[in-house]
Amino acid sequence: MTVPEVATIDRGTGSPVLLLHGQPGDGASWRRVTERLVDRHRVLAPDRPGYGATALEATGMAGNADLMADLLRSRGALPATVVGHSWAGGVAVLMAARHPDVVQGLVLAGAVGTPDSVNGLDRALAVGGLGDALTVAGLVGIGIVLPRVRAALVGGDRRDRGRGSGRAVGYLAATLPDETLPGGWSGAWGRGRRTFVAEQRALMAELPVVSAALGSLDVPVAVVVGEWDVVVPPPAARSLADAVPGATMLRVPAAGHFLARDAPDHLAGLIEETGGR
């Protein structure tokens, strides 16, 4: 089988686990989860099309699902527990629906999937012109501005412990991105912007297909969400879990949208419980 080149971290041996990053992101964003799994599992963490070292341009959720299924087949990593974060939750669902032979379980982390997992900003980001302008501002924010705010807050919290601000700082530290999230000026004006806008348009176009597939999933499914997730909030995660027969749901305290960064132990444990043993 000839599969387009997808830059992929591929480590360990044992039952396969496929980790799919959200937008923006890359395979390295799963580092803390990978380290907790590689002694018992073969972990594959690709840079999805449009990101990182993968030269392919962005594609939609179905296109990602087909490509990732072919990646698993080409590498003999079948069947895998597929973990989808945020936007890639839709990819994971479509992998199970379109390629059931490659999936033995799903973990949907801060994942889209039902209509209430998108909001007005998501819709605006999908609009031509307006979406491009908002994306430029957003990528600069998440790649430069917000990581600096977070670093200052976390550093200040270390100096001011015991002064009553710990929970507020903890909330901001959990909800803000850090310096590991791709973005910044180069991404805002180049490939990152093109990818983000293309994926936002795919989100709005393909979300009904993802939602329609939820009720027919025939693998173990776990939904996990941070209690402070402001991107795909807990009520949306509850809707997602309710739409999948037999799905379980875990709400992680004092965590936000960046679960691979802030709750790697919870994620690794849930992956093993759901099908990675």
C-alpha atoms as a PDB file:
ATOM      1  CA  MET A   1       0.000   0.000   0.000  1.00  0.00           C
ATOM      2  CA  THR A   2       1.324   3.420  -0.972  1.00  0.00           C
ATOM      3  CA  VAL A   3       0.452   6.010   1.656  1.00  0.00           C
ATOM      4  CA  PRO A   4       1.345   9.723   1.407  1.00  0.00           C
ATOM      5  CA  GLU A   5       4.181  10.558   3.783  1.00  0.00           C
ATOM      6  CA  VAL A   6       2.884  11.522   7.221  1.00  0.00           C
ATOM      7  CA  ALA A   7       5.507  12.567   9.777  1.00  0.00           C
ATOM      8  CA  THR A   8       4.800  10.300  12.731  1.00  0.00           C
ATOM      9  CA  ILE A   9       6.290   9.657  16.144  1.00  0.00           C
ATOM     10  CA  ASP A  10       6.229   5.826  16.338  1.00  0.00           C
ATOM     11  CA  ARG A  11       7.518   4.393  19.596  1.00  0.00           C
ATOM     12  CA  GLY A  12       7.146   1.323  21.765  1.00  0.00           C
ATOM     13  CA  THR A  13       5.683  -2.126  21.285  1.00  0.00           C
ATOM     14  CA  GLY A  14       2.414  -3.712  22.243  1.00  0.00           C
ATOM     15  CA  SER A  15      -1.182  -2.901  21.406  1.00  0.00           C
ATOM     16  CA  PRO A  16      -1.286   0.216  19.182  1.00  0.00           C
ATOM     17  CA  VAL A  17      -2.490   3.646  20.254  1.00  0.00           C
ATOM     18  CA  LEU A  18      -3.012   6.437  17.717  1.00  0.00           C
ATOM     19  CA  LEU A  19      -2.921   9.990  19.126  1.00  0.00           C
ATOM     20  CA  LEU A  20      -4.531  12.682  16.942  1.00  0.00           C
ATOM     21  CA  HIS A  21      -3.813  16.303  17.844  1.00  0.00           C
ATOM     22  CA  GLY A  22      -6.268  19.173  17.504  1.00  0.00           C
ATOM     23  CA  GLN A  23      -5.876  22.517  15.777  1.00  0.00           C
ATOM     24  CA  PRO A  24      -3.220  23.832  15.794  1.00  0.00           C
ATOM     25  CA  GLY A  25      -0.848  21.151  17.040  1.00  0.00           C
ATOM     26  CA  ASP A  26       1.522  18.349  16.137  1.00  0.00           C
ATOM     27  CA  GLY A  27       2.449  14.875  17.283  1.00  0.00           C
ATOM     28  CA  ALA A  28       4.869  16.247  19.873  1.00  0.00           C
ATOM     29  CA  SER A  29       1.975  17.817  21.783  1.00  0.00           C
ATOM     30  CA  TRP A  30       1.227  14.303  23.122  1.00  0.00           C
ATOM     31  CA  ARG A  31       4.694  13.928  24.673  1.00  0.00           C
ATOM     32  CA  ARG A  32       3.524  13.543  28.274  1.00  0.00           C
ATOM     33  CA  VAL A  33       0.914  10.957  27.322  1.00  0.00           C
ATOM     34  CA  THR A  34       3.330   9.092  25.057  1.00  0.00           C
ATOM     35  CA  GLU A  35       5.874   8.770  27.854  1.00  0.00           C
ATOM     36  CA  ARG A  36       3.260   7.102  30.041  1.00  0.00           C
ATOM     37  CA  LEU A  37       2.293   4.531  27.395  1.00  0.00           C
ATOM     38  CA  VAL A  38       5.414   3.464  25.500  1.00  0.00           C
ATOM     39  CA  ASP A  39       6.521   0.813  27.973  1.00  0.00           C
ATOM     40  CA  ARG A  40       3.318  -1.167  27.261  1.00  0.00           C
ATOM     41  CA  HIS A  41       2.063   0.098  23.885  1.00  0.00           C
ATOM     42  CA  ARG A  42       3.103   1.054  20.410  1.00  0.00           C
ATOM     43  CA  VAL A  43       2.251   4.755  20.275  1.00  0.00           C
ATOM     44  CA  LEU A  44       1.815   6.599  16.973  1.00  0.00           C
ATOM     45  CA  ALA A  45       1.460  10.387  17.096  1.00  0.00           C
ATOM     46  CA  PRO A  46       1.332  11.887  13.584  1.00  0.00           C
ATOM     47  CA  ASP A  47       1.510  15.479  12.443  1.00  0.00           C
ATOM     48  CA  ARG A  48      -1.845  15.699  10.695  1.00  0.00           C
ATOM     49  CA  PRO A  49      -2.048  17.192   7.164  1.00  0.00           C
ATOM     50  CA  GLY A  50      -1.274  20.899   7.232  1.00  0.00           C
ATOM     51  CA  TYR A  51       0.829  20.703  10.398  1.00  0.00           C
ATOM     52  CA  GLY A  52       4.375  20.092  11.519  1.00  0.00           C
ATOM     53  CA  ALA A  53       6.700  18.095   9.286  1.00  0.00           C
ATOM     54  CA  THR A  54       3.900  16.555   7.197  1.00  0.00           C
ATOM     55  CA  ALA A  55       4.056  18.210   3.788  1.00  0.00           C
ATOM     56  CA  LEU A  56       0.443  17.453   2.863  1.00  0.00           C
ATOM     57  CA  GLU A  57      -1.967  20.365   2.824  1.00  0.00           C
ATOM     58  CA  ALA A  58      -4.966  20.414   5.154  1.00  0.00           C
ATOM     59  CA  THR A  59      -7.960  18.236   4.465  1.00  0.00           C
ATOM     60  CA  GLY A  60     -11.314  17.686   6.139  1.00  0.00           C
ATOM     61  CA  MET A  61     -12.335  15.234   8.827  1.00  0.00           C
ATOM     62  CA  ALA A  62     -13.200  12.430   6.407  1.00  0.00           C
ATOM     63  CA  GLY A  63      -9.951  12.986   4.514  1.00  0.00           C
ATOM     64  CA  ASN A  64      -7.997  12.824   7.769  1.00  0.00           C
ATOM     65  CA  ALA A  65      -9.894   9.695   8.808  1.00  0.00           C
ATOM     66  CA  ASP A  66      -9.085   7.881   5.571  1.00  0.00           C
ATOM     67  CA  LEU A  67      -5.432   8.925   5.673  1.00  0.00           C
ATOM     68  CA  MET A  68      -4.972   7.896   9.307  1.00  0.00           C
ATOM     69  CA  ALA A  69      -6.632   4.536   8.663  1.00  0.00           C
ATOM     70  CA  ASP A  70      -4.222   3.956   5.772  1.00  0.00           C
ATOM     71  CA  LEU A  71      -1.327   5.005   8.018  1.00  0.00           C
ATOM     72  CA  LEU A  72      -2.258   2.334  10.569  1.00  0.00           C
ATOM     73  CA  ARG A  73      -2.621  -0.295   7.853  1.00  0.00           C
ATOM     74  CA  SER A  74       0.685   0.576   6.211  1.00  0.00           C
ATOM     75  CA  ARG A  75       2.531   0.328   9.527  1.00  0.00           C
ATOM     76  CA  GLY A  76       0.827  -2.849  10.665  1.00  0.00           C
ATOM     77  CA  ALA A  77      -0.583  -1.099  13.747  1.00  0.00           C
ATOM     78  CA  LEU A  78      -4.024  -2.732  13.837  1.00  0.00           C
ATOM     79  CA  PRO A  79      -6.409  -2.426  15.508  1.00  0.00           C
ATOM     80  CA  ALA A  80      -5.617   0.704  17.481  1.00  0.00           C
ATOM     81  CA  THR A  81      -7.146   2.655  20.292  1.00  0.00           C
ATOM     82  CA  VAL A  82      -7.705   6.032  18.627  1.00  0.00           C
ATOM     83  CA  VAL A  83      -7.522   9.191  20.718  1.00  0.00           C
ATOM     84  CA  GLY A  84      -8.880  12.381  19.166  1.00  0.00           C
ATOM     85  CA  HIS A  85      -8.414  15.779  20.761  1.00  0.00           C
ATOM     86  CA  SER A  86     -10.715  18.707  19.973  1.00  0.00           C
ATOM     87  CA  TRP A  87     -11.209  18.987  16.160  1.00  0.00           C
ATOM     88  CA  ALA A  88      -9.636  15.556  15.701  1.00  0.00           C
ATOM     89  CA  GLY A  89     -12.383  14.022  17.802  1.00  0.00           C
ATOM     90  CA  GLY A  90     -14.457  14.182  14.624  1.00  0.00           C
ATOM     91  CA  VAL A  91     -11.645  12.408  12.769  1.00  0.00           C
ATOM     92  CA  ALA A  92     -11.576   9.630  15.359  1.00  0.00           C
ATOM     93  CA  VAL A  93     -15.349   9.127  15.118  1.00  0.00           C
ATOM     94  CA  LEU A  94     -15.218   8.921  11.324  1.00  0.00           C
ATOM     95  CA  MET A  95     -12.324   6.456  11.496  1.00  0.00           C
ATOM     96  CA  ALA A  96     -14.491   4.119  13.572  1.00  0.00           C
ATOM     97  CA  ALA A  97     -17.486   4.637  11.267  1.00  0.00           C
ATOM     98  CA  ARG A  98     -15.652   4.377   7.932  1.00  0.00           C
ATOM     99  CA  HIS A  99     -12.839   1.971   8.855  1.00  0.00           C
ATOM    100  CA  PRO A 100     -14.050  -0.267  11.695  1.00  0.00           C
ATOM    101  CA  ASP A 101     -11.250  -2.772  11.044  1.00  0.00           C
ATOM    102  CA  VAL A 102      -8.586  -0.329  12.277  1.00  0.00           C
ATOM    103  CA  VAL A 103     -10.250   0.860  15.504  1.00  0.00           C
ATOM    104  CA  GLN A 104     -10.640  -1.101  18.723  1.00  0.00           C
ATOM    105  CA  GLY A 105     -11.677   1.793  20.942  1.00  0.00           C
ATOM    106  CA  LEU A 106     -12.086   5.570  20.993  1.00  0.00           C
ATOM    107  CA  VAL A 107     -11.063   8.182  23.535  1.00  0.00           C
ATOM    108  CA  LEU A 108     -12.574  11.566  22.695  1.00  0.00           C
ATOM    109  CA  ALA A 109     -10.753  14.294  24.623  1.00  0.00           C
ATOM    110  CA  GLY A 110     -12.268  17.770  24.670  1.00  0.00           C
ATOM    111  CA  ALA A 111     -13.733  16.636  21.373  1.00  0.00           C
ATOM    112  CA  VAL A 112     -16.230  18.042  18.920  1.00  0.00           C
ATOM    113  CA  GLY A 113     -19.026  15.765  17.800  1.00  0.00           C
ATOM    114  CA  THR A 114     -22.440  17.235  18.520  1.00  0.00           C
ATOM    115  CA  PRO A 115     -23.958  20.566  17.419  1.00  0.00           C
ATOM    116  CA  ASP A 116     -23.371  22.186  20.809  1.00  0.00           C
ATOM    117  CA  SER A 117     -19.623  21.583  20.534  1.00  0.00           C
ATOM    118  CA  VAL A 118     -19.348  24.606  18.229  1.00  0.00           C
ATOM    119  CA  ASN A 119     -20.178  28.221  18.990  1.00  0.00           C
ATOM    120  CA  GLY A 120     -20.503  31.569  17.280  1.00  0.00           C
ATOM    121  CA  LEU A 121     -16.739  32.040  17.072  1.00  0.00           C
ATOM    122  CA  ASP A 122     -16.368  28.684  15.310  1.00  0.00           C
ATOM    123  CA  ARG A 123     -18.949  29.782  12.759  1.00  0.00           C
ATOM    124  CA  ALA A 124     -17.252  33.145  12.246  1.00  0.00           C
ATOM    125  CA  LEU A 125     -13.882  31.463  11.724  1.00  0.00           C
ATOM    126  CA  ALA A 126     -15.372  29.494   8.838  1.00  0.00           C
ATOM    127  CA  VAL A 127     -16.501  32.628   6.973  1.00  0.00           C
ATOM    128  CA  GLY A 128     -14.311  33.806   4.105  1.00  0.00           C
ATOM    129  CA  GLY A 129     -12.396  37.009   4.821  1.00  0.00           C
ATOM    130  CA  LEU A 130     -13.632  37.367   8.381  1.00  0.00           C
ATOM    131  CA  GLY A 131     -12.351  33.902   9.252  1.00  0.00           C
ATOM    132  CA  ASP A 132      -8.910  34.705   7.848  1.00  0.00           C
ATOM    133  CA  ALA A 133      -8.645  37.913   9.877  1.00  0.00           C
ATOM    134  CA  LEU A 134      -9.778  36.212  13.072  1.00  0.00           C
ATOM    135  CA  THR A 135      -7.384  33.329  12.463  1.00  0.00           C
ATOM    136  CA  VAL A 136      -4.391  35.656  12.080  1.00  0.00           C
ATOM    137  CA  ALA A 137      -5.240  37.306  15.389  1.00  0.00           C
ATOM    138  CA  GLY A 138      -5.915  33.968  17.048  1.00  0.00           C
ATOM    139  CA  LEU A 139      -2.669  32.316  15.955  1.00  0.00           C
ATOM    140  CA  VAL A 140      -0.648  35.299  17.127  1.00  0.00           C
ATOM    141  CA  GLY A 141      -2.515  35.142  20.424  1.00  0.00           C
ATOM    142  CA  ILE A 142      -2.049  31.429  21.082  1.00  0.00           C
ATOM    143  CA  GLY A 143       1.502  31.352  19.747  1.00  0.00           C
ATOM    144  CA  ILE A 144       2.928  34.509  21.322  1.00  0.00           C
ATOM    145  CA  VAL A 145       0.715  36.606  23.585  1.00  0.00           C
ATOM    146  CA  LEU A 146      -1.179  34.091  25.718  1.00  0.00           C
ATOM    147  CA  PRO A 147       1.807  31.823  26.458  1.00  0.00           C
ATOM    148  CA  ARG A 148       3.644  34.883  27.837  1.00  0.00           C
ATOM    149  CA  VAL A 149       0.645  35.795  29.977  1.00  0.00           C
ATOM    150  CA  ARG A 150       0.478  32.229  31.268  1.00  0.00           C
ATOM    151  CA  ALA A 151       4.200  32.111  32.043  1.00  0.00           C
ATOM    152  CA  ALA A 152       3.958  35.367  33.978  1.00  0.00           C
ATOM    153  CA  LEU A 153       0.968  34.140  35.953  1.00  0.00           C
ATOM    154  CA  VAL A 154       2.489  30.775  36.786  1.00  0.00           C
ATOM    155  CA  GLY A 155       5.748  32.431  37.825  1.00  0.00           C
ATOM    156  CA  GLY A 156       3.873  34.928  39.944  1.00  0.00           C
ATOM    157  CA  ASP A 157       1.855  32.169  41.551  1.00  0.00           C
ATOM    158  CA  ARG A 158       5.083  30.498  42.701  1.00  0.00           C
ATOM    159  CA  ARG A 159       6.146  33.740  44.376  1.00  0.00           C
ATOM    160  CA  ASP A 160       2.742  34.516  45.871  1.00  0.00           C
ATOM    161  CA  ARG A 161       1.593  31.142  47.158  1.00  0.00           C
ATOM    162  CA  GLY A 162      -0.572  31.451  50.219  1.00  0.00           C
ATOM    163  CA  ARG A 163      -2.037  34.822  49.237  1.00  0.00           C
ATOM    164  CA  GLY A 164      -5.391  33.413  48.125  1.00  0.00           C
ATOM    165  CA  SER A 165      -4.917  33.673  44.381  1.00  0.00           C
ATOM    166  CA  GLY A 166      -4.005  30.035  43.784  1.00  0.00           C
ATOM    167  CA  ARG A 167      -7.318  28.858  42.325  1.00  0.00           C
ATOM    168  CA  ALA A 168      -7.683  31.830  39.984  1.00  0.00           C
ATOM    169  CA  VAL A 169      -4.143  31.383  38.704  1.00  0.00           C
ATOM    170  CA  GLY A 170      -4.723  27.638  38.402  1.00  0.00           C
ATOM    171  CA  TYR A 171      -7.775  28.294  36.251  1.00  0.00           C
ATOM    172  CA  LEU A 172      -5.865  30.635  33.956  1.00  0.00           C
ATOM    173  CA  ALA A 173      -2.890  28.270  33.756  1.00  0.00           C
ATOM    174  CA  ALA A 174      -5.246  25.473  32.709  1.00  0.00           C
ATOM    175  CA  THR A 175      -7.167  27.480  30.132  1.00  0.00           C
ATOM    176  CA  LEU A 176      -4.300  29.375  28.478  1.00  0.00           C
ATOM    177  CA  PRO A 177      -1.925  27.811  25.914  1.00  0.00           C
ATOM    178  CA  ASP A 178       1.801  27.538  26.567  1.00  0.00           C
ATOM    179  CA  GLU A 179       4.788  27.976  24.293  1.00  0.00           C
ATOM    180  CA  THR A 180       4.551  24.436  22.895  1.00  0.00           C
ATOM    181  CA  LEU A 181       1.420  25.188  20.861  1.00  0.00           C
ATOM    182  CA  PRO A 182       2.248  26.088  17.230  1.00  0.00           C
ATOM    183  CA  GLY A 183       1.208  29.506  16.027  1.00  0.00           C
ATOM    184  CA  GLY A 184       2.900  32.861  16.136  1.00  0.00           C
ATOM    185  CA  TRP A 185       3.701  35.259  13.322  1.00  0.00           C
ATOM    186  CA  SER A 186       4.937  32.667  10.823  1.00  0.00           C
ATOM    187  CA  GLY A 187       1.895  30.471  11.289  1.00  0.00           C
ATOM    188  CA  ALA A 188      -0.506  33.386  11.280  1.00  0.00           C
ATOM    189  CA  TRP A 189       0.594  34.587   7.843  1.00  0.00           C
ATOM    190  CA  GLY A 190       1.439  31.253   6.227  1.00  0.00           C
ATOM    191  CA  ARG A 191       0.546  27.608   6.269  1.00  0.00           C
ATOM    192  CA  GLY A 192      -0.928  27.717   9.769  1.00  0.00           C
ATOM    193  CA  ARG A 193      -3.572  30.214   8.706  1.00  0.00           C
ATOM    194  CA  ARG A 194      -4.494  28.219   5.594  1.00  0.00           C
ATOM    195  CA  THR A 195      -4.771  25.031   7.599  1.00  0.00           C
ATOM    196  CA  PHE A 196      -6.810  26.540  10.415  1.00  0.00           C
ATOM    197  CA  VAL A 197      -9.306  28.196   8.086  1.00  0.00           C
ATOM    198  CA  ALA A 198      -9.667  25.050   5.963  1.00  0.00           C
ATOM    199  CA  GLU A 199     -10.314  22.963   9.068  1.00  0.00           C
ATOM    200  CA  GLN A 200     -12.870  25.419  10.425  1.00  0.00           C
ATOM    201  CA  ARG A 201     -14.808  25.213   7.178  1.00  0.00           C
ATOM    202  CA  ALA A 202     -14.570  21.426   7.263  1.00  0.00           C
ATOM    203  CA  LEU A 203     -15.815  21.461  10.865  1.00  0.00           C
ATOM    204  CA  MET A 204     -18.980  23.283   9.928  1.00  0.00           C
ATOM    205  CA  ALA A 205     -19.542  21.172   6.794  1.00  0.00           C
ATOM    206  CA  GLU A 206     -18.813  17.744   8.302  1.00  0.00           C
ATOM    207  CA  LEU A 207     -20.065  18.028  11.879  1.00  0.00           C
ATOM    208  CA  PRO A 208     -23.552  16.769  10.875  1.00  0.00           C
ATOM    209  CA  VAL A 209     -21.928  13.637   9.413  1.00  0.00           C
ATOM    210  CA  VAL A 210     -19.944  13.087  12.604  1.00  0.00           C
ATOM    211  CA  SER A 211     -23.052  13.576  14.749  1.00  0.00           C
ATOM    212  CA  ALA A 212     -25.030  11.123  12.623  1.00  0.00           C
ATOM    213  CA  ALA A 213     -22.353   8.461  13.100  1.00  0.00           C
ATOM    214  CA  LEU A 214     -22.286   8.593  16.907  1.00  0.00           C
ATOM    215  CA  GLY A 215     -25.270   6.342  17.489  1.00  0.00           C
ATOM    216  CA  SER A 216     -23.885   3.534  15.352  1.00  0.00           C
ATOM    217  CA  LEU A 217     -20.384   3.284  16.840  1.00  0.00           C
ATOM    218  CA  ASP A 218     -19.621  -0.316  17.734  1.00  0.00           C
ATOM    219  CA  VAL A 219     -16.456   0.042  19.825  1.00  0.00           C
ATOM    220  CA  PRO A 220     -15.837   1.095  23.416  1.00  0.00           C
ATOM    221  CA  VAL A 221     -15.950   4.899  23.638  1.00  0.00           C
ATOM    222  CA  ALA A 222     -14.778   7.150  26.449  1.00  0.00           C
ATOM    223  CA  VAL A 223     -15.348  10.901  26.533  1.00  0.00           C
ATOM    224  CA  VAL A 224     -13.044  13.024  28.694  1.00  0.00           C
ATOM    225  CA  VAL A 225     -13.272  16.739  29.388  1.00  0.00           C
ATOM    226  CA  GLY A 226     -11.614  19.225  31.701  1.00  0.00           C
ATOM    227  CA  GLU A 227     -13.969  20.923  34.127  1.00  0.00           C
ATOM    228  CA  TRP A 228     -12.525  24.284  32.993  1.00  0.00           C
ATOM    229  CA  ASP A 229     -12.632  23.612  29.250  1.00  0.00           C
ATOM    230  CA  VAL A 230     -13.860  26.805  27.578  1.00  0.00           C
ATOM    231  CA  VAL A 231     -13.357  25.531  24.012  1.00  0.00           C
ATOM    232  CA  VAL A 232     -15.567  22.429  24.125  1.00  0.00           C
ATOM    233  CA  PRO A 233     -17.208  22.815  27.548  1.00  0.00           C
ATOM    234  CA  PRO A 234     -18.444  19.998  29.800  1.00  0.00           C
ATOM    235  CA  PRO A 235     -22.125  20.241  28.721  1.00  0.00           C
ATOM    236  CA  ALA A 236     -21.039  19.556  25.118  1.00  0.00           C
ATOM    237  CA  ALA A 237     -18.974  16.599  26.310  1.00  0.00           C
ATOM    238  CA  ARG A 238     -22.039  15.292  28.163  1.00  0.00           C
ATOM    239  CA  SER A 239     -24.094  15.559  24.947  1.00  0.00           C
ATOM    240  CA  LEU A 240     -21.386  13.655  23.097  1.00  0.00           C
ATOM    241  CA  ALA A 241     -21.283  10.854  25.646  1.00  0.00           C
ATOM    242  CA  ASP A 242     -25.082  10.610  25.702  1.00  0.00           C
ATOM    243  CA  ALA A 243     -25.167  10.256  21.905  1.00  0.00           C
ATOM    244  CA  VAL A 244     -22.954   7.152  21.917  1.00  0.00           C
ATOM    245  CA  PRO A 245     -24.525   3.938  23.256  1.00  0.00           C
ATOM    246  CA  GLY A 246     -22.569   2.677  26.250  1.00  0.00           C
ATOM    247  CA  ALA A 247     -20.041   5.529  26.277  1.00  0.00           C
ATOM    248  CA  THR A 248     -18.390   6.505  29.540  1.00  0.00           C
ATOM    249  CA  MET A 249     -17.481  10.033  30.564  1.00  0.00           C
ATOM    250  CA  LEU A 250     -14.693  11.395  32.745  1.00  0.00           C
ATOM    251  CA  ARG A 251     -14.633  15.009  33.926  1.00  0.00           C
ATOM    252  CA  VAL A 252     -11.138  15.974  35.047  1.00  0.00           C
ATOM    253  CA  PRO A 253     -11.028  18.501  37.890  1.00  0.00           C
ATOM    254  CA  ALA A 254      -8.845  21.610  37.611  1.00  0.00           C
ATOM    255  CA  ALA A 255      -8.089  20.974  33.930  1.00  0.00           C
ATOM    256  CA  GLY A 256      -8.996  22.868  30.781  1.00  0.00           C
ATOM    257  CA  HIS A 257      -8.861  22.068  27.076  1.00  0.00           C
ATOM    258  CA  PHE A 258      -5.185  21.060  26.995  1.00  0.00           C
ATOM    259  CA  LEU A 259      -5.624  17.643  28.563  1.00  0.00           C
ATOM    260  CA  ALA A 260      -2.462  16.093  27.098  1.00  0.00           C
ATOM    261  CA  ARG A 261      -0.458  18.822  28.844  1.00  0.00           C
ATOM    262  CA  ASP A 262      -2.321  19.046  32.147  1.00  0.00           C
ATOM    263  CA  ALA A 263      -3.904  15.619  32.699  1.00  0.00           C
ATOM    264  CA  PRO A 264      -1.604  13.021  31.068  1.00  0.00           C
ATOM    265  CA  ASP A 265      -2.134  10.469  33.835  1.00  0.00           C
ATOM    266  CA  HIS A 266      -5.920  10.636  33.446  1.00  0.00           C
ATOM    267  CA  LEU A 267      -5.616  10.289  29.682  1.00  0.00           C
ATOM    268  CA  ALA A 268      -3.158   7.396  29.771  1.00  0.00           C
ATOM    269  CA  GLY A 269      -5.306   5.514  32.271  1.00  0.00           C
ATOM    270  CA  LEU A 270      -8.454   6.073  30.228  1.00  0.00           C
ATOM    271  CA  ILE A 271      -6.722   4.912  27.047  1.00  0.00           C
ATOM    272  CA  GLU A 272      -5.795   1.639  28.717  1.00  0.00           C
ATOM    273  CA  GLU A 273      -9.253   1.150  30.195  1.00  0.00           C
ATOM    274  CA  THR A 274     -10.931   1.789  26.844  1.00  0.00           C
ATOM    275  CA  GLY A 275      -9.036  -0.674  24.717  1.00  0.00           C
ATOM    276  CA  GLY A 276      -5.307  -0.198  24.888  1.00  0.00           C
ATOM    277  CA  ARG A 277      -4.396  -3.109  27.130  1.00  0.00           C
END
